[in-house]
Amino acid sequence: MRLEPLALAGCFRLLGNRLEDSRGDFFKLFHAPTLAGLGLETDFTESFVSTSRAGVIRGMHFQRPPKDHAKLVCCLSGRARDGLVDLRPGSPTFGASTSLILSADAPEVLYVPRGVAHGFAAHVENTQMWYLVSSVHDPAADAGVHVHGVGIDWWTDGPATVEPILSARDQQFPALDAYLANSDSETGKR
């Protein structure tokens, strides 16, 4: 695996080698020694897979401390614009966002550290995303910021016209500016 830093401090794209032959292909999603050698978390406790229709936006999700977690994310099928927002007070990229295309055609995994909100927009039908997280999901610690106003154009390099599909929960998240204004600058807790 090769590591490529993203625009947000501590966020990385892990690029793997896809092995192909007459049977199909093979690539590695997770290699603890590589992450540990880079000083990244490796103690993952749960794995999830989501399948989304074209036009679905899921995000911007995170868990509040002490249940916060690091996350690995990969697109298993389809194509999505993946977005990240840095909510870590004291981070050199606090309040900033970045995005990139994840596709089943490319063997890559995102490393998302604790305190960074994550979301994606499915650009095609049956976009399937895989997540590996370092803490057990706790509904009481679930939090998020609204996908609009985070500085991400969800449809760049995607479908021309899309009416976004958001869950009722995701529609209720506060705007990023409101969230940051209410954050405790010492602990990152709300």
N, C-alpha and C. Protein backbone atom coordinates (compact mmCIF):
# COMPACT_ATOMS: atom_id res chain seq x y z
N MET A 1 0.83 -1.19 0.00
CA MET A 1 0.00 0.00 0.00
C MET A 1 0.87 1.25 0.00
N ARG A 2 0.43 2.21 -0.78
CA ARG A 2 1.09 3.52 -0.80
C ARG A 2 0.17 4.52 -0.11
N LEU A 3 0.74 5.47 0.57
CA LEU A 3 -0.01 6.47 1.31
C LEU A 3 0.05 7.81 0.59
N GLU A 4 -1.12 8.46 0.42
CA GLU A 4 -1.18 9.78 -0.19
C GLU A 4 -1.93 10.71 0.77
N PRO A 5 -1.26 11.74 1.31
CA PRO A 5 -1.96 12.66 2.21
C PRO A 5 -3.05 13.43 1.47
N LEU A 6 -4.15 13.70 2.16
CA LEU A 6 -5.22 14.52 1.62
C LEU A 6 -5.08 15.94 2.15
N ALA A 7 -5.96 16.84 1.76
CA ALA A 7 -5.87 18.25 2.15
C ALA A 7 -6.11 18.48 3.64
N LEU A 8 -6.76 17.53 4.34
CA LEU A 8 -7.01 17.67 5.77
C LEU A 8 -5.93 16.91 6.55
N ALA A 9 -5.40 17.55 7.58
CA ALA A 9 -4.36 16.95 8.40
C ALA A 9 -4.80 15.59 8.93
N GLY A 10 -3.95 14.58 8.76
CA GLY A 10 -4.22 13.24 9.29
C GLY A 10 -5.12 12.38 8.45
N CYS A 11 -5.62 12.89 7.32
CA CYS A 11 -6.47 12.11 6.41
C CYS A 11 -5.61 11.62 5.24
N PHE A 12 -5.81 10.36 4.87
CA PHE A 12 -4.98 9.76 3.83
C PHE A 12 -5.79 8.90 2.88
N ARG A 13 -5.28 8.81 1.66
CA ARG A 13 -5.76 7.84 0.68
C ARG A 13 -4.70 6.74 0.66
N LEU A 14 -5.15 5.50 0.87
CA LEU A 14 -4.26 4.34 0.84
C LEU A 14 -4.46 3.65 -0.50
N LEU A 15 -3.43 3.64 -1.31
CA LEU A 15 -3.52 3.09 -2.66
C LEU A 15 -2.93 1.69 -2.67
N GLY A 16 -3.70 0.75 -3.12
CA GLY A 16 -3.25 -0.64 -3.17
C GLY A 16 -2.98 -1.09 -4.59
N ASN A 17 -2.46 -2.27 -4.69
CA ASN A 17 -2.23 -2.87 -5.99
C ASN A 17 -3.33 -3.88 -6.26
N ARG A 18 -3.98 -3.73 -7.38
CA ARG A 18 -5.00 -4.69 -7.79
C ARG A 18 -4.32 -5.77 -8.62
N LEU A 19 -4.50 -7.01 -8.20
CA LEU A 19 -3.95 -8.14 -8.94
C LEU A 19 -5.07 -8.72 -9.78
N GLU A 20 -4.85 -8.84 -11.07
CA GLU A 20 -5.86 -9.35 -11.98
C GLU A 20 -5.33 -10.53 -12.76
N ASP A 21 -6.21 -11.51 -12.98
CA ASP A 21 -5.88 -12.63 -13.85
C ASP A 21 -7.18 -13.15 -14.46
N SER A 22 -7.15 -14.31 -15.06
CA SER A 22 -8.32 -14.84 -15.76
C SER A 22 -9.50 -15.11 -14.82
N ARG A 23 -9.25 -15.23 -13.53
CA ARG A 23 -10.32 -15.49 -12.57
C ARG A 23 -11.06 -14.23 -12.15
N GLY A 24 -10.40 -13.08 -12.26
CA GLY A 24 -10.96 -11.82 -11.79
C GLY A 24 -9.87 -10.97 -11.18
N ASP A 25 -10.16 -10.35 -10.04
CA ASP A 25 -9.14 -9.50 -9.41
C ASP A 25 -9.13 -9.69 -7.90
N PHE A 26 -8.12 -9.09 -7.27
CA PHE A 26 -7.88 -9.23 -5.84
C PHE A 26 -7.15 -7.98 -5.38
N PHE A 27 -7.63 -7.37 -4.27
CA PHE A 27 -6.85 -6.30 -3.64
C PHE A 27 -7.12 -6.26 -2.16
N LYS A 28 -6.14 -5.77 -1.43
CA LYS A 28 -6.16 -5.73 0.03
C LYS A 28 -6.77 -4.42 0.51
N LEU A 29 -7.76 -4.51 1.41
CA LEU A 29 -8.41 -3.33 1.97
C LEU A 29 -7.76 -2.84 3.25
N PHE A 30 -7.14 -3.73 4.00
CA PHE A 30 -6.63 -3.38 5.32
C PHE A 30 -5.36 -4.16 5.59
N HIS A 31 -4.32 -3.47 6.07
CA HIS A 31 -3.06 -4.09 6.46
C HIS A 31 -2.55 -3.35 7.69
N ALA A 32 -2.80 -3.93 8.87
CA ALA A 32 -2.46 -3.28 10.14
C ALA A 32 -1.00 -2.85 10.23
N PRO A 33 -0.03 -3.69 9.83
CA PRO A 33 1.36 -3.25 9.94
C PRO A 33 1.67 -1.98 9.14
N THR A 34 1.04 -1.82 7.98
CA THR A 34 1.27 -0.61 7.18
C THR A 34 0.73 0.61 7.91
N LEU A 35 -0.50 0.52 8.43
CA LEU A 35 -1.08 1.66 9.16
C LEU A 35 -0.28 1.96 10.42
N ALA A 36 0.07 0.92 11.18
CA ALA A 36 0.83 1.12 12.42
C ALA A 36 2.19 1.77 12.12
N GLY A 37 2.82 1.34 11.04
CA GLY A 37 4.11 1.92 10.65
C GLY A 37 4.02 3.39 10.31
N LEU A 38 2.83 3.85 9.97
CA LEU A 38 2.60 5.25 9.65
C LEU A 38 2.07 6.03 10.86
N GLY A 39 1.95 5.33 12.00
CA GLY A 39 1.43 5.98 13.20
C GLY A 39 -0.08 6.14 13.22
N LEU A 40 -0.79 5.38 12.39
CA LEU A 40 -2.24 5.47 12.32
C LEU A 40 -2.89 4.38 13.17
N GLU A 41 -4.14 4.58 13.52
CA GLU A 41 -4.86 3.59 14.33
C GLU A 41 -5.07 2.30 13.56
N THR A 42 -5.05 1.19 14.29
CA THR A 42 -5.26 -0.12 13.67
C THR A 42 -6.26 -0.99 14.43
N ASP A 43 -6.73 -0.51 15.58
CA ASP A 43 -7.61 -1.31 16.43
C ASP A 43 -9.07 -1.09 16.03
N PHE A 44 -9.49 -1.73 14.95
CA PHE A 44 -10.84 -1.56 14.43
C PHE A 44 -11.76 -2.62 15.03
N THR A 45 -13.02 -2.21 15.33
CA THR A 45 -13.92 -3.09 16.08
C THR A 45 -15.20 -3.46 15.34
N GLU A 46 -15.60 -2.67 14.34
CA GLU A 46 -16.83 -2.96 13.60
C GLU A 46 -16.64 -2.65 12.13
N SER A 47 -17.42 -3.37 11.32
CA SER A 47 -17.41 -3.13 9.88
C SER A 47 -18.85 -3.01 9.40
N PHE A 48 -19.07 -2.09 8.45
CA PHE A 48 -20.41 -1.86 7.89
C PHE A 48 -20.30 -1.78 6.37
N VAL A 49 -21.40 -2.10 5.70
CA VAL A 49 -21.52 -1.89 4.26
C VAL A 49 -22.85 -1.20 4.02
N SER A 50 -22.84 -0.13 3.23
CA SER A 50 -24.09 0.54 2.84
C SER A 50 -24.23 0.44 1.33
N THR A 51 -25.46 0.31 0.86
CA THR A 51 -25.76 0.33 -0.57
C THR A 51 -26.73 1.48 -0.80
N SER A 52 -26.41 2.33 -1.77
CA SER A 52 -27.21 3.54 -2.00
C SER A 52 -27.63 3.67 -3.45
N ARG A 53 -28.80 4.28 -3.62
CA ARG A 53 -29.29 4.62 -4.95
C ARG A 53 -28.55 5.84 -5.46
N ALA A 54 -28.54 6.04 -6.77
CA ALA A 54 -27.96 7.25 -7.35
C ALA A 54 -28.70 8.46 -6.78
N GLY A 55 -27.95 9.46 -6.36
CA GLY A 55 -28.54 10.68 -5.81
C GLY A 55 -28.59 10.73 -4.30
N VAL A 56 -28.31 9.61 -3.64
CA VAL A 56 -28.31 9.59 -2.18
C VAL A 56 -27.05 10.29 -1.66
N ILE A 57 -27.24 11.14 -0.65
CA ILE A 57 -26.11 11.69 0.09
C ILE A 57 -26.24 11.19 1.52
N ARG A 58 -25.19 10.57 2.03
CA ARG A 58 -25.15 10.13 3.42
C ARG A 58 -24.07 10.96 4.12
N GLY A 59 -24.44 11.63 5.20
CA GLY A 59 -23.43 12.39 5.92
C GLY A 59 -24.00 13.69 6.44
N MET A 60 -23.13 14.41 7.02
CA MET A 60 -21.73 14.25 7.38
C MET A 60 -21.69 13.67 8.80
N HIS A 61 -21.30 12.44 8.95
CA HIS A 61 -21.42 11.70 10.20
C HIS A 61 -20.11 11.63 10.98
N PHE A 62 -20.26 11.56 12.30
CA PHE A 62 -19.15 11.27 13.21
C PHE A 62 -19.76 10.87 14.55
N GLN A 63 -18.94 10.36 15.45
CA GLN A 63 -19.37 10.08 16.82
C GLN A 63 -18.60 11.01 17.75
N ARG A 64 -19.32 11.54 18.75
CA ARG A 64 -18.71 12.45 19.71
C ARG A 64 -17.82 11.66 20.70
N PRO A 65 -16.76 12.32 21.21
CA PRO A 65 -15.94 11.70 22.25
C PRO A 65 -16.79 11.38 23.47
N PRO A 66 -16.50 10.36 24.21
CA PRO A 66 -15.36 9.46 24.08
C PRO A 66 -15.61 8.28 23.13
N LYS A 67 -16.70 8.30 22.40
CA LYS A 67 -17.04 7.20 21.48
C LYS A 67 -16.59 7.48 20.05
N ASP A 68 -15.79 8.53 19.86
CA ASP A 68 -15.32 8.88 18.52
C ASP A 68 -14.47 7.75 17.94
N HIS A 69 -14.30 7.77 16.63
CA HIS A 69 -13.55 6.68 16.02
C HIS A 69 -12.81 7.12 14.76
N ALA A 70 -11.75 6.38 14.48
CA ALA A 70 -11.09 6.46 13.18
C ALA A 70 -11.87 5.54 12.25
N LYS A 71 -11.72 5.77 10.95
CA LYS A 71 -12.53 5.03 9.99
C LYS A 71 -11.72 4.76 8.74
N LEU A 72 -11.89 3.57 8.18
CA LEU A 72 -11.42 3.26 6.84
C LEU A 72 -12.65 3.16 5.95
N VAL A 73 -12.58 3.71 4.75
CA VAL A 73 -13.72 3.73 3.83
C VAL A 73 -13.24 3.32 2.44
N CYS A 74 -14.05 2.49 1.77
CA CYS A 74 -13.72 2.03 0.42
C CYS A 74 -15.01 1.86 -0.37
N CYS A 75 -14.98 2.16 -1.65
CA CYS A 75 -16.12 1.93 -2.54
C CYS A 75 -15.98 0.53 -3.15
N LEU A 76 -16.93 -0.35 -2.81
CA LEU A 76 -16.89 -1.73 -3.30
C LEU A 76 -17.56 -1.88 -4.66
N SER A 77 -18.62 -1.08 -4.90
CA SER A 77 -19.26 -1.08 -6.22
C SER A 77 -19.84 0.30 -6.47
N GLY A 78 -19.86 0.68 -7.73
CA GLY A 78 -20.38 1.99 -8.09
C GLY A 78 -19.34 3.08 -8.02
N ARG A 79 -19.84 4.30 -7.73
CA ARG A 79 -18.98 5.48 -7.74
C ARG A 79 -19.60 6.54 -6.84
N ALA A 80 -18.76 7.24 -6.08
CA ALA A 80 -19.26 8.25 -5.15
C ALA A 80 -18.27 9.39 -5.00
N ARG A 81 -18.80 10.58 -4.69
CA ARG A 81 -17.95 11.68 -4.23
C ARG A 81 -17.94 11.58 -2.72
N ASP A 82 -16.77 11.36 -2.15
CA ASP A 82 -16.60 11.20 -0.72
C ASP A 82 -16.14 12.53 -0.15
N GLY A 83 -16.72 12.93 0.99
CA GLY A 83 -16.39 14.21 1.58
C GLY A 83 -15.96 14.10 3.03
N LEU A 84 -15.05 14.98 3.45
CA LEU A 84 -14.52 15.02 4.81
C LEU A 84 -14.52 16.46 5.30
N VAL A 85 -14.87 16.64 6.58
CA VAL A 85 -14.83 17.96 7.21
C VAL A 85 -14.09 17.82 8.55
N ASP A 86 -13.08 18.65 8.75
CA ASP A 86 -12.26 18.60 9.97
C ASP A 86 -12.96 19.36 11.09
N LEU A 87 -13.37 18.63 12.13
CA LEU A 87 -14.05 19.23 13.29
C LEU A 87 -13.17 19.22 14.53
N ARG A 88 -11.86 19.05 14.37
CA ARG A 88 -10.93 18.94 15.50
C ARG A 88 -10.36 20.30 15.88
N PRO A 89 -10.84 20.88 17.00
CA PRO A 89 -10.24 22.13 17.45
C PRO A 89 -8.73 21.94 17.62
N GLY A 90 -7.97 22.91 17.20
CA GLY A 90 -6.52 22.82 17.30
C GLY A 90 -5.86 22.21 16.08
N SER A 91 -6.64 21.59 15.20
CA SER A 91 -6.08 21.03 13.97
C SER A 91 -5.72 22.17 13.02
N PRO A 92 -4.63 22.05 12.28
CA PRO A 92 -4.29 23.13 11.33
C PRO A 92 -5.32 23.26 10.21
N THR A 93 -6.19 22.27 10.04
CA THR A 93 -7.21 22.34 9.00
C THR A 93 -8.62 22.38 9.60
N PHE A 94 -8.73 22.80 10.87
CA PHE A 94 -10.03 22.88 11.56
C PHE A 94 -11.04 23.68 10.73
N GLY A 95 -12.23 23.10 10.51
CA GLY A 95 -13.30 23.75 9.78
C GLY A 95 -13.22 23.60 8.27
N ALA A 96 -12.10 23.06 7.77
CA ALA A 96 -11.92 22.90 6.32
C ALA A 96 -12.54 21.58 5.85
N SER A 97 -12.77 21.51 4.54
CA SER A 97 -13.32 20.29 3.95
C SER A 97 -12.52 19.91 2.71
N THR A 98 -12.68 18.66 2.32
CA THR A 98 -12.09 18.18 1.07
C THR A 98 -12.97 17.05 0.55
N SER A 99 -12.82 16.74 -0.72
CA SER A 99 -13.57 15.63 -1.29
C SER A 99 -12.79 15.00 -2.43
N LEU A 100 -13.17 13.80 -2.78
CA LEU A 100 -12.54 13.07 -3.87
C LEU A 100 -13.51 12.00 -4.36
N ILE A 101 -13.24 11.51 -5.54
CA ILE A 101 -14.06 10.43 -6.09
C ILE A 101 -13.51 9.10 -5.60
N LEU A 102 -14.42 8.25 -5.10
CA LEU A 102 -14.09 6.86 -4.80
C LEU A 102 -14.88 6.01 -5.79
N SER A 103 -14.22 5.02 -6.35
CA SER A 103 -14.85 4.17 -7.35
C SER A 103 -14.41 2.73 -7.17
N ALA A 104 -15.30 1.81 -7.48
CA ALA A 104 -14.95 0.39 -7.42
C ALA A 104 -13.86 0.06 -8.44
N ASP A 105 -13.65 0.93 -9.41
CA ASP A 105 -12.63 0.69 -10.43
C ASP A 105 -11.21 0.91 -9.92
N ALA A 106 -11.06 1.55 -8.76
CA ALA A 106 -9.72 1.86 -8.24
C ALA A 106 -9.55 1.27 -6.84
N PRO A 107 -8.49 0.49 -6.63
CA PRO A 107 -8.26 -0.10 -5.31
C PRO A 107 -7.66 0.91 -4.34
N GLU A 108 -8.54 1.64 -3.64
CA GLU A 108 -8.06 2.61 -2.68
C GLU A 108 -8.99 2.67 -1.48
N VAL A 109 -8.40 3.05 -0.36
CA VAL A 109 -9.12 3.13 0.91
C VAL A 109 -8.80 4.48 1.52
N LEU A 110 -9.80 5.13 2.11
CA LEU A 110 -9.55 6.38 2.84
C LEU A 110 -9.33 6.07 4.30
N TYR A 111 -8.38 6.75 4.91
CA TYR A 111 -8.20 6.72 6.35
C TYR A 111 -8.72 8.05 6.88
N VAL A 112 -9.74 7.97 7.76
CA VAL A 112 -10.38 9.15 8.33
C VAL A 112 -10.13 9.12 9.84
N PRO A 113 -9.37 10.08 10.37
CA PRO A 113 -9.08 10.07 11.81
C PRO A 113 -10.26 10.52 12.66
N ARG A 114 -10.16 10.29 13.94
CA ARG A 114 -11.17 10.76 14.91
C ARG A 114 -11.36 12.26 14.74
N GLY A 115 -12.62 12.71 14.86
CA GLY A 115 -12.90 14.14 14.81
C GLY A 115 -13.12 14.69 13.42
N VAL A 116 -13.09 13.84 12.41
CA VAL A 116 -13.35 14.28 11.04
C VAL A 116 -14.69 13.68 10.61
N ALA A 117 -15.63 14.55 10.21
CA ALA A 117 -16.93 14.10 9.74
C ALA A 117 -16.79 13.54 8.33
N HIS A 118 -17.58 12.51 8.03
CA HIS A 118 -17.50 11.81 6.75
C HIS A 118 -18.87 11.69 6.11
N GLY A 119 -18.90 11.79 4.80
CA GLY A 119 -20.13 11.56 4.04
C GLY A 119 -19.80 11.29 2.59
N PHE A 120 -20.82 10.90 1.82
CA PHE A 120 -20.61 10.68 0.40
C PHE A 120 -21.91 10.86 -0.36
N ALA A 121 -21.77 11.12 -1.66
CA ALA A 121 -22.90 11.20 -2.59
C ALA A 121 -22.74 10.08 -3.60
N ALA A 122 -23.75 9.22 -3.71
CA ALA A 122 -23.72 8.12 -4.67
C ALA A 122 -24.01 8.67 -6.06
N HIS A 123 -23.08 8.47 -6.98
CA HIS A 123 -23.23 8.97 -8.34
C HIS A 123 -23.94 7.98 -9.26
N VAL A 124 -23.98 6.72 -8.88
CA VAL A 124 -24.64 5.70 -9.71
C VAL A 124 -25.46 4.77 -8.82
N GLU A 125 -26.38 4.04 -9.43
CA GLU A 125 -27.20 3.08 -8.70
C GLU A 125 -26.32 2.02 -8.03
N ASN A 126 -26.79 1.54 -6.90
CA ASN A 126 -26.14 0.45 -6.16
C ASN A 126 -24.69 0.74 -5.82
N THR A 127 -24.43 1.98 -5.40
CA THR A 127 -23.09 2.32 -4.91
C THR A 127 -22.95 1.71 -3.52
N GLN A 128 -21.95 0.88 -3.38
CA GLN A 128 -21.75 0.15 -2.13
C GLN A 128 -20.46 0.62 -1.47
N MET A 129 -20.59 1.10 -0.21
CA MET A 129 -19.44 1.60 0.53
C MET A 129 -19.19 0.71 1.74
N TRP A 130 -17.92 0.45 1.99
CA TRP A 130 -17.47 -0.38 3.12
C TRP A 130 -16.77 0.53 4.12
N TYR A 131 -17.09 0.33 5.41
CA TYR A 131 -16.49 1.11 6.49
C TYR A 131 -15.92 0.15 7.53
N LEU A 132 -14.79 0.48 8.07
CA LEU A 132 -14.19 -0.23 9.20
C LEU A 132 -13.93 0.85 10.25
N VAL A 133 -14.50 0.71 11.46
CA VAL A 133 -14.40 1.76 12.47
C VAL A 133 -13.74 1.24 13.74
N SER A 134 -13.12 2.18 14.49
CA SER A 134 -12.32 1.80 15.66
C SER A 134 -13.09 1.87 16.98
N SER A 135 -14.39 2.13 16.94
CA SER A 135 -15.20 2.05 18.15
C SER A 135 -16.57 1.49 17.77
N VAL A 136 -17.21 0.87 18.72
CA VAL A 136 -18.53 0.29 18.48
C VAL A 136 -19.53 1.42 18.30
N HIS A 137 -20.42 1.26 17.34
CA HIS A 137 -21.43 2.28 17.08
C HIS A 137 -22.27 2.52 18.34
N ASP A 138 -22.43 3.78 18.69
CA ASP A 138 -23.22 4.17 19.86
C ASP A 138 -24.20 5.25 19.42
N PRO A 139 -25.50 4.91 19.27
CA PRO A 139 -26.48 5.90 18.80
C PRO A 139 -26.50 7.17 19.66
N ALA A 140 -26.19 7.06 20.94
CA ALA A 140 -26.19 8.25 21.81
C ALA A 140 -25.04 9.20 21.47
N ALA A 141 -24.00 8.69 20.81
CA ALA A 141 -22.84 9.52 20.46
C ALA A 141 -22.89 9.98 19.00
N ASP A 142 -23.90 9.51 18.25
CA ASP A 142 -24.04 9.92 16.85
C ASP A 142 -24.19 11.41 16.73
N ALA A 143 -23.53 11.99 15.75
CA ALA A 143 -23.65 13.42 15.49
C ALA A 143 -23.36 13.66 14.02
N GLY A 144 -23.55 14.88 13.60
CA GLY A 144 -23.27 15.23 12.22
C GLY A 144 -23.44 16.70 11.96
N VAL A 145 -23.03 17.10 10.79
CA VAL A 145 -23.29 18.44 10.27
C VAL A 145 -23.96 18.26 8.92
N HIS A 146 -24.76 19.23 8.54
CA HIS A 146 -25.54 19.15 7.31
C HIS A 146 -24.62 19.14 6.10
N VAL A 147 -24.97 18.34 5.09
CA VAL A 147 -24.13 18.18 3.90
C VAL A 147 -24.02 19.46 3.07
N HIS A 148 -25.02 20.34 3.17
CA HIS A 148 -24.96 21.60 2.43
C HIS A 148 -24.23 22.63 3.29
N GLY A 149 -23.40 23.41 2.66
CA GLY A 149 -22.66 24.44 3.40
C GLY A 149 -21.33 23.96 3.96
N VAL A 150 -20.87 22.77 3.54
CA VAL A 150 -19.57 22.29 4.02
C VAL A 150 -18.47 22.52 2.99
N GLY A 151 -18.81 23.18 1.88
CA GLY A 151 -17.80 23.50 0.87
C GLY A 151 -17.52 22.37 -0.09
N ILE A 152 -18.46 21.45 -0.26
CA ILE A 152 -18.27 20.33 -1.18
C ILE A 152 -19.35 20.36 -2.25
N ASP A 153 -18.93 20.33 -3.51
CA ASP A 153 -19.87 20.19 -4.62
C ASP A 153 -20.03 18.69 -4.85
N TRP A 154 -21.09 18.12 -4.33
CA TRP A 154 -21.30 16.68 -4.33
C TRP A 154 -21.42 16.08 -5.73
N TRP A 155 -21.75 16.89 -6.72
CA TRP A 155 -22.02 16.33 -8.05
C TRP A 155 -20.92 16.63 -9.06
N THR A 156 -19.80 17.25 -8.64
CA THR A 156 -18.67 17.43 -9.54
C THR A 156 -18.22 16.05 -10.04
N ASP A 157 -18.03 15.95 -11.35
CA ASP A 157 -17.64 14.67 -11.99
C ASP A 157 -18.71 13.60 -11.81
N GLY A 158 -19.93 14.02 -11.58
CA GLY A 158 -21.02 13.06 -11.39
C GLY A 158 -22.18 13.37 -12.32
N PRO A 159 -23.38 12.95 -11.94
CA PRO A 159 -24.54 13.20 -12.76
C PRO A 159 -24.80 14.70 -12.92
N ALA A 160 -25.30 15.08 -14.08
CA ALA A 160 -25.50 16.51 -14.39
C ALA A 160 -26.56 17.15 -13.50
N THR A 161 -27.69 16.53 -13.34
CA THR A 161 -28.78 17.10 -12.55
C THR A 161 -29.26 16.06 -11.56
N VAL A 162 -29.21 16.40 -10.29
CA VAL A 162 -29.60 15.45 -9.26
C VAL A 162 -30.40 16.15 -8.19
N GLU A 163 -31.51 15.56 -7.81
CA GLU A 163 -32.26 16.00 -6.63
C GLU A 163 -31.76 15.12 -5.49
N PRO A 164 -30.97 15.67 -4.57
CA PRO A 164 -30.36 14.85 -3.52
C PRO A 164 -31.40 14.14 -2.64
N ILE A 165 -31.08 12.93 -2.26
CA ILE A 165 -31.91 12.13 -1.36
C ILE A 165 -31.16 12.03 -0.04
N LEU A 166 -31.73 12.66 1.02
CA LEU A 166 -31.13 12.62 2.35
C LEU A 166 -32.12 11.99 3.31
N SER A 167 -31.60 11.30 4.31
CA SER A 167 -32.46 10.73 5.35
C SER A 167 -33.02 11.88 6.20
N ALA A 168 -34.13 11.60 6.89
CA ALA A 168 -34.71 12.60 7.78
C ALA A 168 -33.68 13.01 8.84
N ARG A 169 -32.92 12.05 9.34
CA ARG A 169 -31.89 12.34 10.36
C ARG A 169 -30.84 13.29 9.81
N ASP A 170 -30.34 13.01 8.61
CA ASP A 170 -29.29 13.85 8.03
C ASP A 170 -29.80 15.26 7.71
N GLN A 171 -31.08 15.39 7.38
CA GLN A 171 -31.66 16.70 7.10
C GLN A 171 -31.71 17.58 8.35
N GLN A 172 -31.72 16.95 9.53
CA GLN A 172 -31.85 17.69 10.79
C GLN A 172 -30.51 18.15 11.36
N PHE A 173 -29.40 17.70 10.80
CA PHE A 173 -28.10 18.09 11.33
C PHE A 173 -27.91 19.61 11.20
N PRO A 174 -27.18 20.22 12.14
CA PRO A 174 -26.94 21.66 12.06
C PRO A 174 -25.98 22.00 10.91
N ALA A 175 -26.05 23.22 10.46
CA ALA A 175 -25.09 23.71 9.47
C ALA A 175 -23.70 23.71 10.09
N LEU A 176 -22.69 23.58 9.26
CA LEU A 176 -21.31 23.55 9.75
C LEU A 176 -20.98 24.80 10.56
N ASP A 177 -21.33 25.98 10.06
CA ASP A 177 -21.02 27.23 10.79
C ASP A 177 -21.65 27.23 12.18
N ALA A 178 -22.91 26.77 12.27
CA ALA A 178 -23.59 26.72 13.58
C ALA A 178 -22.91 25.71 14.49
N TYR A 179 -22.53 24.57 13.94
CA TYR A 179 -21.85 23.55 14.75
C TYR A 179 -20.52 24.10 15.29
N LEU A 180 -19.72 24.71 14.42
CA LEU A 180 -18.42 25.23 14.84
C LEU A 180 -18.58 26.33 15.88
N ALA A 181 -19.60 27.17 15.73
CA ALA A 181 -19.84 28.26 16.69
C ALA A 181 -20.20 27.72 18.07
N ASN A 182 -20.79 26.52 18.13
CA ASN A 182 -21.22 25.93 19.40
C ASN A 182 -20.22 24.91 19.94
N SER A 183 -19.10 24.71 19.26
CA SER A 183 -18.11 23.73 19.71
C SER A 183 -17.25 24.31 20.81
N ASP A 184 -16.89 23.46 21.76
CA ASP A 184 -15.96 23.84 22.83
C ASP A 184 -14.55 23.74 22.24
N SER A 185 -13.85 24.84 22.14
CA SER A 185 -12.55 24.86 21.49
C SER A 185 -11.49 24.06 22.22
N GLU A 186 -11.70 23.74 23.48
CA GLU A 186 -10.70 22.96 24.22
C GLU A 186 -10.86 21.47 24.03
N THR A 187 -12.08 20.99 23.93
CA THR A 187 -12.30 19.54 23.91
C THR A 187 -12.91 19.02 22.63
N GLY A 188 -13.46 19.88 21.81
CA GLY A 188 -14.13 19.43 20.60
C GLY A 188 -15.52 18.88 20.89
N LYS A 189 -15.96 18.95 22.14
CA LYS A 189 -17.28 18.44 22.49
C LYS A 189 -18.30 19.56 22.34
N ARG A 190 -19.54 19.17 22.08
CA ARG A 190 -20.61 20.14 21.99
C ARG A 190 -21.36 20.18 23.30
